Amino acid sequence: MKDKHFKDIGSCELEPMACYIKKFTPSFYMGMHNHAYFELMYASKGNFLLEVMPQGVPHENDSQINVVTVHQGELIFVDAFLFHRLVIEEEEVVIYNVEMQPRESMQYDPYRVNRILPVNYNALIEQTSLKTLANAKTGYTVVPNLSRIDSVFRELISNILRPSVTVEDAGCVRAHILLLFMEIARSLTLLEQNNTHYVKKIYLYIKHHLNQKITLDEIAEEVGYHKSYIASQFKKYTGKTIVQAVNELRISKSLRLLRDTGYSVAEIARQVGFPSYAQMAHEFNKTLQLSPSSCRKIFQNDEVDYDSPQYSSIAIRIKEEDSLLSDEDFQNYYYKKNLKSRSKQLLGY
């Protein structure tokens, strides 16, 4: 088959060639290389570098190498035949990766899935923001995760790694490939509309450093904007200050630990990053009008006696942008009793 870049994919289907979710350290080394398939890499934790040889430059000429930083919470799409190599400089980086090669329908049709779920990539590129990937003159595109790229990417990898022995298995892989590209298109559209992707990057930074001291200077360095600018823009688009966001997320995680573990309140305060128990108690009283110990008693009463008159619900109202934190570690839930039906309803906070 003729060599194909993403813009030339036409009516081909995409065959997954390899995938992984892997932790990298600075000891990792990769040589400059290229291949006949598309590669997508997502920075789940930490930042990584991709050294890229501009198209048309002989790969022996390393003086024209471009160095691209892919920040935590960003995806990079690498087109076919682009010379590149991965470089790790941080202590620990977690990357999702999938490589897919275009195949003619007659060449790639596992369990005749093409009859059930054919994908017209030409139309998909033409009618969505995926044209940004197809038309990139550099051969690569960095995409901030403004939708559900992280969770959909994980699900795709999970489906690829699962043994495929039925048409249902093949259909799930095909559907998740399509879904990943749709989430990429959605993120590109949102980026074009408001260019506020740094709000998601701020939340990702907070999430991964929640148990540490978080400063505005560190966030500004991670995001790449001046601290005064990100502070004002964060408040504009979320309705809260960065400090408020940090404290709400710490309270959220504290509530899960109070419900699900036997850790002391002081230990929970340490694990979620409150500088002291006194600070934790202050934030609980300000946000929930309850102490951490009172919250634990409420959870215990609800588990023991569904009709306890002492029951009261605990909730923090989270705005839409907080739902962007789709990492499984942050899907915290609690049970809130429906007093009319005497049954429990699962709610997220």
C-alpha atoms as a PDB file:
ATOM      1  CA  MET A   1       0.000   0.000   0.000  1.00  0.00           C
ATOM      2  CA  LYS A   2       1.201   3.525  -0.752  1.00  0.00           C
ATOM      3  CA  ASP A   3       2.743   5.363   2.199  1.00  0.00           C
ATOM      4  CA  LYS A   4       0.065   7.443   3.901  1.00  0.00           C
ATOM      5  CA  HIS A   5       0.159  10.475   6.126  1.00  0.00           C
ATOM      6  CA  PHE A   6      -2.861  11.245   8.272  1.00  0.00           C
ATOM      7  CA  LYS A   7      -4.332  13.623   5.682  1.00  0.00           C
ATOM      8  CA  ASP A   8      -4.206  10.808   3.093  1.00  0.00           C
ATOM      9  CA  ILE A   9      -5.931   8.188   5.225  1.00  0.00           C
ATOM     10  CA  GLY A  10      -9.013   8.154   2.996  1.00  0.00           C
ATOM     11  CA  SER A  11     -11.215   5.102   3.517  1.00  0.00           C
ATOM     12  CA  CYS A  12      -8.535   3.096   5.322  1.00  0.00           C
ATOM     13  CA  GLU A  13      -9.064   1.489   8.709  1.00  0.00           C
ATOM     14  CA  LEU A  14      -6.579   1.935  11.572  1.00  0.00           C
ATOM     15  CA  GLU A  15      -4.831  -1.153  12.925  1.00  0.00           C
ATOM     16  CA  PRO A  16      -3.318  -0.798  16.418  1.00  0.00           C
ATOM     17  CA  MET A  17       0.353  -1.777  16.169  1.00  0.00           C
ATOM     18  CA  ALA A  18       1.466  -1.235  19.781  1.00  0.00           C
ATOM     19  CA  CYS A  19       0.348   0.450  22.978  1.00  0.00           C
ATOM     20  CA  TYR A  20       1.388   0.936  26.580  1.00  0.00           C
ATOM     21  CA  ILE A  21       0.899   2.795  29.831  1.00  0.00           C
ATOM     22  CA  LYS A  22       4.424   3.099  31.167  1.00  0.00           C
ATOM     23  CA  LYS A  23       6.490   4.890  33.783  1.00  0.00           C
ATOM     24  CA  PHE A  24       9.739   6.443  32.529  1.00  0.00           C
ATOM     25  CA  THR A  25      12.797   7.784  34.355  1.00  0.00           C
ATOM     26  CA  PRO A  26      15.784   9.806  33.075  1.00  0.00           C
ATOM     27  CA  SER A  27      17.758   6.587  32.512  1.00  0.00           C
ATOM     28  CA  PHE A  28      15.527   5.843  29.493  1.00  0.00           C
ATOM     29  CA  TYR A  29      17.113   6.271  26.057  1.00  0.00           C
ATOM     30  CA  MET A  30      15.549   6.182  22.593  1.00  0.00           C
ATOM     31  CA  GLY A  31      17.301   6.745  19.264  1.00  0.00           C
ATOM     32  CA  MET A  32      15.972   8.993  16.493  1.00  0.00           C
ATOM     33  CA  HIS A  33      13.597   6.950  14.313  1.00  0.00           C
ATOM     34  CA  ASN A  34      10.482   7.074  12.167  1.00  0.00           C
ATOM     35  CA  HIS A  35       7.785   4.627  11.116  1.00  0.00           C
ATOM     36  CA  ALA A  36       4.889   4.207   8.696  1.00  0.00           C
ATOM     37  CA  TYR A  37       2.177   4.607  11.308  1.00  0.00           C
ATOM     38  CA  PHE A  38       0.677   7.352  13.463  1.00  0.00           C
ATOM     39  CA  GLU A  39       1.675   7.676  17.092  1.00  0.00           C
ATOM     40  CA  LEU A  40      -0.215   9.311  19.944  1.00  0.00           C
ATOM     41  CA  MET A  41       1.453   9.995  23.299  1.00  0.00           C
ATOM     42  CA  TYR A  42      -0.273  11.446  26.373  1.00  0.00           C
ATOM     43  CA  ALA A  43       1.547  12.858  29.430  1.00  0.00           C
ATOM     44  CA  SER A  44      -0.474  11.453  32.326  1.00  0.00           C
ATOM     45  CA  LYS A  45       2.104  12.414  34.962  1.00  0.00           C
ATOM     46  CA  GLY A  46       5.020  14.775  34.524  1.00  0.00           C
ATOM     47  CA  ASN A  47       6.371  16.385  31.350  1.00  0.00           C
ATOM     48  CA  PHE A  48       8.428  14.824  28.577  1.00  0.00           C
ATOM     49  CA  LEU A  49      10.371  16.067  25.569  1.00  0.00           C
ATOM     50  CA  LEU A  50      10.060  14.942  21.985  1.00  0.00           C
ATOM     51  CA  GLU A  51      12.952  15.750  19.691  1.00  0.00           C
ATOM     52  CA  VAL A  52      11.589  16.113  16.158  1.00  0.00           C
ATOM     53  CA  MET A  53      13.423  16.299  12.844  1.00  0.00           C
ATOM     54  CA  PRO A  54      11.562  18.729  10.545  1.00  0.00           C
ATOM     55  CA  GLN A  55      10.179  17.010   7.460  1.00  0.00           C
ATOM     56  CA  GLY A  56      12.525  17.149   4.482  1.00  0.00           C
ATOM     57  CA  VAL A  57      15.676  17.452   6.609  1.00  0.00           C
ATOM     58  CA  PRO A  58      18.182  14.554   6.358  1.00  0.00           C
ATOM     59  CA  HIS A  59      18.120  12.650   9.637  1.00  0.00           C
ATOM     60  CA  GLU A  60      21.925  12.870   9.872  1.00  0.00           C
ATOM     61  CA  ASN A  61      21.635  16.653  10.294  1.00  0.00           C
ATOM     62  CA  ASP A  62      20.924  17.019  14.004  1.00  0.00           C
ATOM     63  CA  SER A  63      21.461  20.801  13.970  1.00  0.00           C
ATOM     64  CA  GLN A  64      17.870  21.376  12.915  1.00  0.00           C
ATOM     65  CA  ILE A  65      16.187  19.234  15.555  1.00  0.00           C
ATOM     66  CA  ASN A  66      13.148  20.844  17.220  1.00  0.00           C
ATOM     67  CA  VAL A  67      12.562  20.092  20.894  1.00  0.00           C
ATOM     68  CA  VAL A  68       8.879  19.922  21.852  1.00  0.00           C
ATOM     69  CA  THR A  69       7.817  19.922  25.506  1.00  0.00           C
ATOM     70  CA  VAL A  70       4.677  17.899  26.175  1.00  0.00           C
ATOM     71  CA  HIS A  71       3.292  19.005  29.520  1.00  0.00           C
ATOM     72  CA  GLN A  72       1.283  16.939  31.921  1.00  0.00           C
ATOM     73  CA  GLY A  73      -2.264  16.744  30.609  1.00  0.00           C
ATOM     74  CA  GLU A  74      -1.275  17.164  26.962  1.00  0.00           C
ATOM     75  CA  LEU A  75      -1.282  14.754  24.022  1.00  0.00           C
ATOM     76  CA  ILE A  76       1.061  14.860  21.062  1.00  0.00           C
ATOM     77  CA  PHE A  77       0.043  13.396  17.703  1.00  0.00           C
ATOM     78  CA  VAL A  78       3.012  12.318  15.551  1.00  0.00           C
ATOM     79  CA  ASP A  79       2.300  11.772  11.872  1.00  0.00           C
ATOM     80  CA  ALA A  80       3.762   8.889   9.873  1.00  0.00           C
ATOM     81  CA  PHE A  81       7.401   9.051   8.670  1.00  0.00           C
ATOM     82  CA  LEU A  82       8.371  11.906  11.006  1.00  0.00           C
ATOM     83  CA  PHE A  83      11.780  11.348  12.606  1.00  0.00           C
ATOM     84  CA  HIS A  84      11.504  11.733  16.384  1.00  0.00           C
ATOM     85  CA  ARG A  85      12.741  10.464  19.721  1.00  0.00           C
ATOM     86  CA  LEU A  86      11.470  10.558  23.292  1.00  0.00           C
ATOM     87  CA  VAL A  87      13.595  12.255  25.968  1.00  0.00           C
ATOM     88  CA  ILE A  88      12.911  12.013  29.722  1.00  0.00           C
ATOM     89  CA  GLU A  89      14.410  14.591  32.081  1.00  0.00           C
ATOM     90  CA  GLU A  90      12.076  14.433  35.083  1.00  0.00           C
ATOM     91  CA  GLU A  91      12.324  11.884  37.897  1.00  0.00           C
ATOM     92  CA  GLU A  92       9.108  10.076  36.969  1.00  0.00           C
ATOM     93  CA  VAL A  93       6.892  10.435  33.912  1.00  0.00           C
ATOM     94  CA  VAL A  94       3.849   8.311  33.045  1.00  0.00           C
ATOM     95  CA  ILE A  95       2.946   8.134  29.359  1.00  0.00           C
ATOM     96  CA  TYR A  96       0.034   6.567  27.477  1.00  0.00           C
ATOM     97  CA  ASN A  97       0.996   5.489  23.971  1.00  0.00           C
ATOM     98  CA  VAL A  98      -0.755   3.942  20.990  1.00  0.00           C
ATOM     99  CA  GLU A  99       0.558   3.424  17.460  1.00  0.00           C
ATOM    100  CA  MET A 100      -1.842   2.809  14.568  1.00  0.00           C
ATOM    101  CA  GLN A 101      -1.220   2.008  10.921  1.00  0.00           C
ATOM    102  CA  PRO A 102      -3.675   2.723   8.079  1.00  0.00           C
ATOM    103  CA  ARG A 103      -4.794  -0.440   6.273  1.00  0.00           C
ATOM    104  CA  GLU A 104      -7.070  -0.978   3.306  1.00  0.00           C
ATOM    105  CA  SER A 105     -10.390  -2.506   4.353  1.00  0.00           C
ATOM    106  CA  MET A 106      -9.614  -5.758   2.575  1.00  0.00           C
ATOM    107  CA  GLN A 107      -6.300  -5.989   4.468  1.00  0.00           C
ATOM    108  CA  TYR A 108      -7.643  -5.326   7.943  1.00  0.00           C
ATOM    109  CA  ASP A 109     -11.110  -6.587   8.859  1.00  0.00           C
ATOM    110  CA  PRO A 110     -10.954  -8.587  12.121  1.00  0.00           C
ATOM    111  CA  TYR A 111     -14.091 -10.686  12.551  1.00  0.00           C
ATOM    112  CA  ARG A 112     -15.695  -8.691   9.705  1.00  0.00           C
ATOM    113  CA  VAL A 113     -16.041  -5.656  11.964  1.00  0.00           C
ATOM    114  CA  ASN A 114     -15.864  -3.358   8.919  1.00  0.00           C
ATOM    115  CA  ARG A 115     -19.423  -4.335   8.064  1.00  0.00           C
ATOM    116  CA  ILE A 116     -20.600  -3.273  11.501  1.00  0.00           C
ATOM    117  CA  LEU A 117     -18.493  -0.196  12.232  1.00  0.00           C
ATOM    118  CA  PRO A 118     -16.771   1.299   9.173  1.00  0.00           C
ATOM    119  CA  VAL A 119     -15.171   4.704   9.799  1.00  0.00           C
ATOM    120  CA  ASN A 120     -14.864   7.357   7.113  1.00  0.00           C
ATOM    121  CA  TYR A 121     -11.745   9.198   8.274  1.00  0.00           C
ATOM    122  CA  ASN A 122     -11.848  11.531   5.280  1.00  0.00           C
ATOM    123  CA  ALA A 123     -15.225  12.837   6.421  1.00  0.00           C
ATOM    124  CA  LEU A 124     -14.098  12.852  10.056  1.00  0.00           C
ATOM    125  CA  ILE A 125     -11.115  15.058   9.233  1.00  0.00           C
ATOM    126  CA  GLU A 126     -13.116  17.325   6.939  1.00  0.00           C
ATOM    127  CA  GLN A 127     -16.000  17.892   9.371  1.00  0.00           C
ATOM    128  CA  THR A 128     -14.105  18.208  12.680  1.00  0.00           C
ATOM    129  CA  SER A 129     -11.066  19.950  14.125  1.00  0.00           C
ATOM    130  CA  LEU A 130      -8.993  16.870  13.259  1.00  0.00           C
ATOM    131  CA  LYS A 131      -8.053  18.846  10.166  1.00  0.00           C
ATOM    132  CA  THR A 132      -5.569  20.530  12.512  1.00  0.00           C
ATOM    133  CA  LEU A 133      -3.698  17.224  12.782  1.00  0.00           C
ATOM    134  CA  ALA A 134      -3.968  16.530   9.071  1.00  0.00           C
ATOM    135  CA  ASN A 135      -2.722  19.956   7.983  1.00  0.00           C
ATOM    136  CA  ALA A 136       0.102  20.381  10.496  1.00  0.00           C
ATOM    137  CA  LYS A 137       3.192  21.333   8.457  1.00  0.00           C
ATOM    138  CA  THR A 138       5.466  20.271  11.313  1.00  0.00           C
ATOM    139  CA  GLY A 139       4.181  16.685  11.232  1.00  0.00           C
ATOM    140  CA  TYR A 140       3.102  16.845  14.867  1.00  0.00           C
ATOM    141  CA  THR A 141       0.423  18.559  16.957  1.00  0.00           C
ATOM    142  CA  VAL A 142       0.257  19.109  20.721  1.00  0.00           C
ATOM    143  CA  VAL A 143      -3.305  18.923  22.060  1.00  0.00           C
ATOM    144  CA  PRO A 144      -4.270  20.019  25.596  1.00  0.00           C
ATOM    145  CA  ASN A 145      -6.771  17.694  27.212  1.00  0.00           C
ATOM    146  CA  LEU A 146      -9.892  19.841  27.463  1.00  0.00           C
ATOM    147  CA  SER A 147     -12.330  16.921  27.314  1.00  0.00           C
ATOM    148  CA  ARG A 148     -11.928  13.243  28.231  1.00  0.00           C
ATOM    149  CA  ILE A 149      -8.763  12.306  26.372  1.00  0.00           C
ATOM    150  CA  ASP A 150      -7.099  10.773  29.425  1.00  0.00           C
ATOM    151  CA  SER A 151      -9.881   8.367  30.415  1.00  0.00           C
ATOM    152  CA  VAL A 152     -10.766   7.439  26.810  1.00  0.00           C
ATOM    153  CA  PHE A 153      -7.090   6.802  26.036  1.00  0.00           C
ATOM    154  CA  ARG A 154      -6.847   4.419  29.022  1.00  0.00           C
ATOM    155  CA  GLU A 155      -9.969   2.579  27.902  1.00  0.00           C
ATOM    156  CA  LEU A 156      -8.607   2.200  24.362  1.00  0.00           C
ATOM    157  CA  ILE A 157      -5.369   0.695  25.648  1.00  0.00           C
ATOM    158  CA  SER A 158      -7.308  -1.630  27.926  1.00  0.00           C
ATOM    159  CA  ASN A 159      -9.402  -2.862  24.995  1.00  0.00           C
ATOM    160  CA  ILE A 160      -6.379  -3.331  22.728  1.00  0.00           C
ATOM    161  CA  LEU A 161      -4.573  -5.378  25.367  1.00  0.00           C
ATOM    162  CA  ARG A 162      -7.603  -7.592  26.006  1.00  0.00           C
ATOM    163  CA  PRO A 163      -7.478 -10.774  23.892  1.00  0.00           C
ATOM    164  CA  SER A 164      -9.627 -10.253  20.800  1.00  0.00           C
ATOM    165  CA  VAL A 165     -11.553 -13.421  20.018  1.00  0.00           C
ATOM    166  CA  THR A 166     -14.982 -12.164  18.968  1.00  0.00           C
ATOM    167  CA  VAL A 167     -16.526  -9.503  16.783  1.00  0.00           C
ATOM    168  CA  GLU A 168     -17.601  -7.749  19.979  1.00  0.00           C
ATOM    169  CA  ASP A 169     -13.947  -7.428  21.013  1.00  0.00           C
ATOM    170  CA  ALA A 170     -12.961  -6.037  17.616  1.00  0.00           C
ATOM    171  CA  GLY A 171     -15.931  -3.655  17.682  1.00  0.00           C
ATOM    172  CA  CYS A 172     -14.940  -2.283  21.091  1.00  0.00           C
ATOM    173  CA  VAL A 173     -11.422  -1.522  19.865  1.00  0.00           C
ATOM    174  CA  ARG A 174     -12.778   0.176  16.738  1.00  0.00           C
ATOM    175  CA  ALA A 175     -15.290   2.193  18.762  1.00  0.00           C
ATOM    176  CA  HIS A 176     -12.653   3.364  21.252  1.00  0.00           C
ATOM    177  CA  ILE A 177     -10.297   4.439  18.454  1.00  0.00           C
ATOM    178  CA  LEU A 178     -13.101   6.553  17.014  1.00  0.00           C
ATOM    179  CA  LEU A 179     -13.987   7.890  20.459  1.00  0.00           C
ATOM    180  CA  LEU A 180     -10.380   8.932  21.140  1.00  0.00           C
ATOM    181  CA  PHE A 181     -10.216  10.875  17.888  1.00  0.00           C
ATOM    182  CA  MET A 182     -13.547  12.535  18.675  1.00  0.00           C
ATOM    183  CA  GLU A 183     -12.265  13.627  22.103  1.00  0.00           C
ATOM    184  CA  ILE A 184      -9.126  15.002  20.449  1.00  0.00           C
ATOM    185  CA  ALA A 185     -11.327  16.912  18.006  1.00  0.00           C
ATOM    186  CA  ARG A 186     -13.451  18.195  20.888  1.00  0.00           C
ATOM    187  CA  SER A 187     -10.376  19.453  22.746  1.00  0.00           C
ATOM    188  CA  LEU A 188      -9.062  21.170  19.613  1.00  0.00           C
ATOM    189  CA  THR A 189     -12.433  22.870  19.097  1.00  0.00           C
ATOM    190  CA  LEU A 190     -12.504  24.107  22.707  1.00  0.00           C
ATOM    191  CA  LEU A 191      -8.932  25.333  22.351  1.00  0.00           C
ATOM    192  CA  GLU A 192      -9.888  27.326  19.254  1.00  0.00           C
ATOM    193  CA  GLN A 193     -12.874  28.822  21.064  1.00  0.00           C
ATOM    194  CA  ASN A 194     -11.273  30.172  24.224  1.00  0.00           C
ATOM    195  CA  ASN A 195      -7.612  29.124  24.604  1.00  0.00           C
ATOM    196  CA  THR A 196      -8.073  28.500  28.347  1.00  0.00           C
ATOM    197  CA  HIS A 197      -6.376  25.124  28.369  1.00  0.00           C
ATOM    198  CA  TYR A 198      -4.106  26.242  31.180  1.00  0.00           C
ATOM    199  CA  VAL A 199      -7.087  25.963  33.554  1.00  0.00           C
ATOM    200  CA  LYS A 200      -7.042  22.185  33.042  1.00  0.00           C
ATOM    201  CA  LYS A 201      -3.266  22.166  33.434  1.00  0.00           C
ATOM    202  CA  ILE A 202      -3.615  23.978  36.760  1.00  0.00           C
ATOM    203  CA  TYR A 203      -6.096  21.363  37.997  1.00  0.00           C
ATOM    204  CA  LEU A 204      -3.820  18.546  36.863  1.00  0.00           C
ATOM    205  CA  TYR A 205      -0.867  20.103  38.672  1.00  0.00           C
ATOM    206  CA  ILE A 206      -2.916  20.502  41.860  1.00  0.00           C
ATOM    207  CA  LYS A 207      -4.153  16.918  41.648  1.00  0.00           C
ATOM    208  CA  HIS A 208      -0.690  15.414  41.298  1.00  0.00           C
ATOM    209  CA  HIS A 209       0.839  17.615  44.028  1.00  0.00           C
ATOM    210  CA  LEU A 210      -2.094  17.688  46.432  1.00  0.00           C
ATOM    211  CA  ASN A 211      -0.164  16.208  49.368  1.00  0.00           C
ATOM    212  CA  GLN A 212       2.637  18.766  48.961  1.00  0.00           C
ATOM    213  CA  LYS A 213       2.952  22.478  49.509  1.00  0.00           C
ATOM    214  CA  ILE A 214       1.558  24.176  46.393  1.00  0.00           C
ATOM    215  CA  THR A 215       2.661  27.692  45.489  1.00  0.00           C
ATOM    216  CA  LEU A 216       1.455  30.037  42.795  1.00  0.00           C
ATOM    217  CA  ASP A 217       5.038  30.445  41.567  1.00  0.00           C
ATOM    218  CA  GLU A 218       5.333  26.688  40.946  1.00  0.00           C
ATOM    219  CA  ILE A 219       1.994  26.563  39.142  1.00  0.00           C
ATOM    220  CA  ALA A 220       2.975  29.543  36.984  1.00  0.00           C
ATOM    221  CA  GLU A 221       6.239  27.833  36.026  1.00  0.00           C
ATOM    222  CA  GLU A 222       4.384  24.621  35.126  1.00  0.00           C
ATOM    223  CA  VAL A 223       1.712  26.378  33.071  1.00  0.00           C
ATOM    224  CA  GLY A 224       4.012  28.873  31.388  1.00  0.00           C
ATOM    225  CA  TYR A 225       2.135  32.082  32.212  1.00  0.00           C
ATOM    226  CA  HIS A 226       2.815  34.861  34.725  1.00  0.00           C
ATOM    227  CA  LYS A 227       1.329  34.090  38.145  1.00  0.00           C
ATOM    228  CA  SER A 228      -0.788  37.263  38.253  1.00  0.00           C
ATOM    229  CA  TYR A 229      -2.293  36.423  34.867  1.00  0.00           C
ATOM    230  CA  ILE A 230      -3.178  32.817  35.688  1.00  0.00           C
ATOM    231  CA  ALA A 231      -4.602  33.844  39.066  1.00  0.00           C
ATOM    232  CA  SER A 232      -6.953  36.385  37.483  1.00  0.00           C
ATOM    233  CA  GLN A 233      -7.905  34.146  34.560  1.00  0.00           C
ATOM    234  CA  PHE A 234      -8.496  31.139  36.799  1.00  0.00           C
ATOM    235  CA  LYS A 235     -10.882  33.202  38.922  1.00  0.00           C
ATOM    236  CA  LYS A 236     -12.579  34.538  35.784  1.00  0.00           C
ATOM    237  CA  TYR A 237     -13.257  31.105  34.268  1.00  0.00           C
ATOM    238  CA  THR A 238     -13.900  29.045  37.425  1.00  0.00           C
ATOM    239  CA  GLY A 239     -15.389  31.559  39.836  1.00  0.00           C
ATOM    240  CA  LYS A 240     -12.893  30.613  42.542  1.00  0.00           C
ATOM    241  CA  THR A 241      -9.314  31.356  43.484  1.00  0.00           C
ATOM    242  CA  ILE A 242      -6.574  28.772  43.067  1.00  0.00           C
ATOM    243  CA  VAL A 243      -6.297  28.541  46.865  1.00  0.00           C
ATOM    244  CA  GLN A 244     -10.027  27.799  47.087  1.00  0.00           C
ATOM    245  CA  ALA A 245      -9.659  25.094  44.426  1.00  0.00           C
ATOM    246  CA  VAL A 246      -6.772  23.491  46.316  1.00  0.00           C
ATOM    247  CA  ASN A 247      -8.686  23.484  49.596  1.00  0.00           C
ATOM    248  CA  GLU A 248     -11.874  22.097  48.019  1.00  0.00           C
ATOM    249  CA  LEU A 249      -9.984  19.230  46.418  1.00  0.00           C
ATOM    250  CA  ARG A 250      -8.212  18.503  49.702  1.00  0.00           C
ATOM    251  CA  ILE A 251     -11.543  18.448  51.511  1.00  0.00           C
ATOM    252  CA  SER A 252     -12.943  16.170  48.813  1.00  0.00           C
ATOM    253  CA  LYS A 253     -10.141  13.664  49.240  1.00  0.00           C
ATOM    254  CA  SER A 254     -10.354  13.974  53.036  1.00  0.00           C
ATOM    255  CA  LEU A 255     -14.031  13.036  52.968  1.00  0.00           C
ATOM    256  CA  ARG A 256     -13.249   9.829  51.079  1.00  0.00           C
ATOM    257  CA  LEU A 257     -10.511   8.902  53.553  1.00  0.00           C
ATOM    258  CA  LEU A 258     -12.756   9.714  56.525  1.00  0.00           C
ATOM    259  CA  ARG A 259     -15.397   7.420  55.078  1.00  0.00           C
ATOM    260  CA  ASP A 260     -13.270   4.563  53.804  1.00  0.00           C
ATOM    261  CA  THR A 261     -10.282   4.328  56.167  1.00  0.00           C
ATOM    262  CA  GLY A 262      -9.459   4.156  59.844  1.00  0.00           C
ATOM    263  CA  TYR A 263      -6.680   6.730  59.609  1.00  0.00           C
ATOM    264  CA  SER A 264      -6.619   9.352  62.327  1.00  0.00           C
ATOM    265  CA  VAL A 265      -7.819  12.800  61.365  1.00  0.00           C
ATOM    266  CA  ALA A 266      -4.294  14.142  61.809  1.00  0.00           C
ATOM    267  CA  GLU A 267      -2.910  11.482  59.435  1.00  0.00           C
ATOM    268  CA  ILE A 268      -5.574  12.292  56.834  1.00  0.00           C
ATOM    269  CA  ALA A 269      -4.677  15.984  57.089  1.00  0.00           C
ATOM    270  CA  ARG A 270      -1.054  15.065  56.363  1.00  0.00           C
ATOM    271  CA  GLN A 271      -1.937  12.767  53.432  1.00  0.00           C
ATOM    272  CA  VAL A 272      -4.052  15.344  51.621  1.00  0.00           C
ATOM    273  CA  GLY A 273      -1.586  18.195  52.114  1.00  0.00           C
ATOM    274  CA  PHE A 274      -3.095  20.355  54.838  1.00  0.00           C
ATOM    275  CA  PRO A 275      -0.185  21.980  56.722  1.00  0.00           C
ATOM    276  CA  SER A 276      -1.800  21.119  60.069  1.00  0.00           C
ATOM    277  CA  TYR A 277      -4.918  19.618  61.619  1.00  0.00           C
ATOM    278  CA  ALA A 278      -5.952  23.117  62.695  1.00  0.00           C
ATOM    279  CA  GLN A 279      -5.922  24.297  59.081  1.00  0.00           C
ATOM    280  CA  MET A 280      -7.916  21.236  58.004  1.00  0.00           C
ATOM    281  CA  ALA A 281     -10.527  21.857  60.731  1.00  0.00           C
ATOM    282  CA  HIS A 282     -10.759  25.523  59.738  1.00  0.00           C
ATOM    283  CA  GLU A 283     -11.388  24.687  56.058  1.00  0.00           C
ATOM    284  CA  PHE A 284     -13.985  22.016  56.984  1.00  0.00           C
ATOM    285  CA  ASN A 285     -15.867  24.425  59.231  1.00  0.00           C
ATOM    286  CA  LYS A 286     -15.735  27.182  56.604  1.00  0.00           C
ATOM    287  CA  THR A 287     -16.897  24.928  53.728  1.00  0.00           C
ATOM    288  CA  LEU A 288     -19.130  22.322  55.395  1.00  0.00           C
ATOM    289  CA  GLN A 289     -19.915  23.902  58.764  1.00  0.00           C
ATOM    290  CA  LEU A 290     -18.750  20.617  60.307  1.00  0.00           C
ATOM    291  CA  SER A 291     -15.540  19.340  61.846  1.00  0.00           C
ATOM    292  CA  PRO A 292     -13.671  16.385  60.243  1.00  0.00           C
ATOM    293  CA  SER A 293     -14.616  14.188  63.216  1.00  0.00           C
ATOM    294  CA  SER A 294     -18.295  15.095  62.830  1.00  0.00           C
ATOM    295  CA  CYS A 295     -18.135  14.151  59.150  1.00  0.00           C
ATOM    296  CA  ARG A 296     -16.717  10.743  60.061  1.00  0.00           C
ATOM    297  CA  LYS A 297     -19.512  10.169  62.589  1.00  0.00           C
ATOM    298  CA  ILE A 298     -22.098  11.018  59.938  1.00  0.00           C
ATOM    299  CA  PHE A 299     -20.607   8.450  57.565  1.00  0.00           C
ATOM    300  CA  GLN A 300     -20.550   5.839  60.345  1.00  0.00           C
ATOM    301  CA  ASN A 301     -24.142   6.534  61.357  1.00  0.00           C
ATOM    302  CA  ASP A 302     -25.288   6.246  57.770  1.00  0.00           C
ATOM    303  CA  GLU A 303     -23.583   2.871  57.397  1.00  0.00           C
ATOM    304  CA  VAL A 304     -24.988   1.514  60.656  1.00  0.00           C
ATOM    305  CA  ASP A 305     -28.482   2.957  60.710  1.00  0.00           C
ATOM    306  CA  TYR A 306     -30.153   4.049  57.508  1.00  0.00           C
ATOM    307  CA  ASP A 307     -32.881   5.890  59.430  1.00  0.00           C
ATOM    308  CA  SER A 308     -30.670   7.643  61.961  1.00  0.00           C
ATOM    309  CA  PRO A 309     -32.093  11.123  62.673  1.00  0.00           C
ATOM    310  CA  GLN A 310     -28.483  12.268  63.081  1.00  0.00           C
ATOM    311  CA  TYR A 311     -27.932  11.807  59.347  1.00  0.00           C
ATOM    312  CA  SER A 312     -27.138  14.865  57.287  1.00  0.00           C
ATOM    313  CA  SER A 313     -25.613  14.990  53.815  1.00  0.00           C
ATOM    314  CA  ILE A 314     -22.112  16.196  53.085  1.00  0.00           C
ATOM    315  CA  ALA A 315     -21.482  17.736  49.680  1.00  0.00           C
ATOM    316  CA  ILE A 316     -19.330  20.273  47.947  1.00  0.00           C
ATOM    317  CA  ARG A 317     -20.801  21.802  44.839  1.00  0.00           C
ATOM    318  CA  ILE A 318     -18.287  21.331  42.054  1.00  0.00           C
ATOM    319  CA  LYS A 319     -18.424  23.381  38.888  1.00  0.00           C
ATOM    320  CA  GLU A 320     -18.149  21.921  35.399  1.00  0.00           C
ATOM    321  CA  GLU A 321     -14.418  22.492  35.065  1.00  0.00           C
ATOM    322  CA  ASP A 322     -13.751  20.269  38.089  1.00  0.00           C
ATOM    323  CA  SER A 323     -15.244  17.315  36.232  1.00  0.00           C
ATOM    324  CA  LEU A 324     -12.240  17.536  33.909  1.00  0.00           C
ATOM    325  CA  LEU A 325     -10.319  15.681  36.623  1.00  0.00           C
ATOM    326  CA  SER A 326     -11.232  12.288  35.239  1.00  0.00           C
ATOM    327  CA  ASP A 327      -8.225  10.411  36.609  1.00  0.00           C
ATOM    328  CA  GLU A 328      -9.546   7.310  38.405  1.00  0.00           C
ATOM    329  CA  ASP A 329      -7.753   8.306  41.622  1.00  0.00           C
ATOM    330  CA  PHE A 330      -9.905  11.409  41.788  1.00  0.00           C
ATOM    331  CA  GLN A 331     -13.273   9.802  41.149  1.00  0.00           C
ATOM    332  CA  ASN A 332     -14.341  10.190  44.803  1.00  0.00           C
ATOM    333  CA  TYR A 333     -17.865   9.268  45.818  1.00  0.00           C
ATOM    334  CA  TYR A 334     -20.037   9.188  48.856  1.00  0.00           C
ATOM    335  CA  TYR A 335     -23.456   7.788  49.676  1.00  0.00           C
ATOM    336  CA  LYS A 336     -26.268  10.194  50.266  1.00  0.00           C
ATOM    337  CA  LYS A 337     -29.441   8.705  51.661  1.00  0.00           C
ATOM    338  CA  ASN A 338     -32.761   9.346  49.949  1.00  0.00           C
ATOM    339  CA  LEU A 339     -35.014   9.897  52.991  1.00  0.00           C
ATOM    340  CA  LYS A 340     -38.204   9.190  51.083  1.00  0.00           C
ATOM    341  CA  SER A 341     -37.245   5.818  49.639  1.00  0.00           C
ATOM    342  CA  ARG A 342     -34.835   4.877  52.449  1.00  0.00           C
ATOM    343  CA  SER A 343     -32.327   3.855  49.795  1.00  0.00           C
ATOM    344  CA  LYS A 344     -28.853   5.120  49.024  1.00  0.00           C
ATOM    345  CA  GLN A 345     -27.973   7.128  45.962  1.00  0.00           C
ATOM    346  CA  LEU A 346     -24.392   7.299  44.692  1.00  0.00           C
ATOM    347  CA  LEU A 347     -23.273  10.852  44.171  1.00  0.00           C
ATOM    348  CA  GLY A 348     -19.946  12.362  43.240  1.00  0.00           C
ATOM    349  CA  TYR A 349     -18.151  15.161  44.972  1.00  0.00           C
END
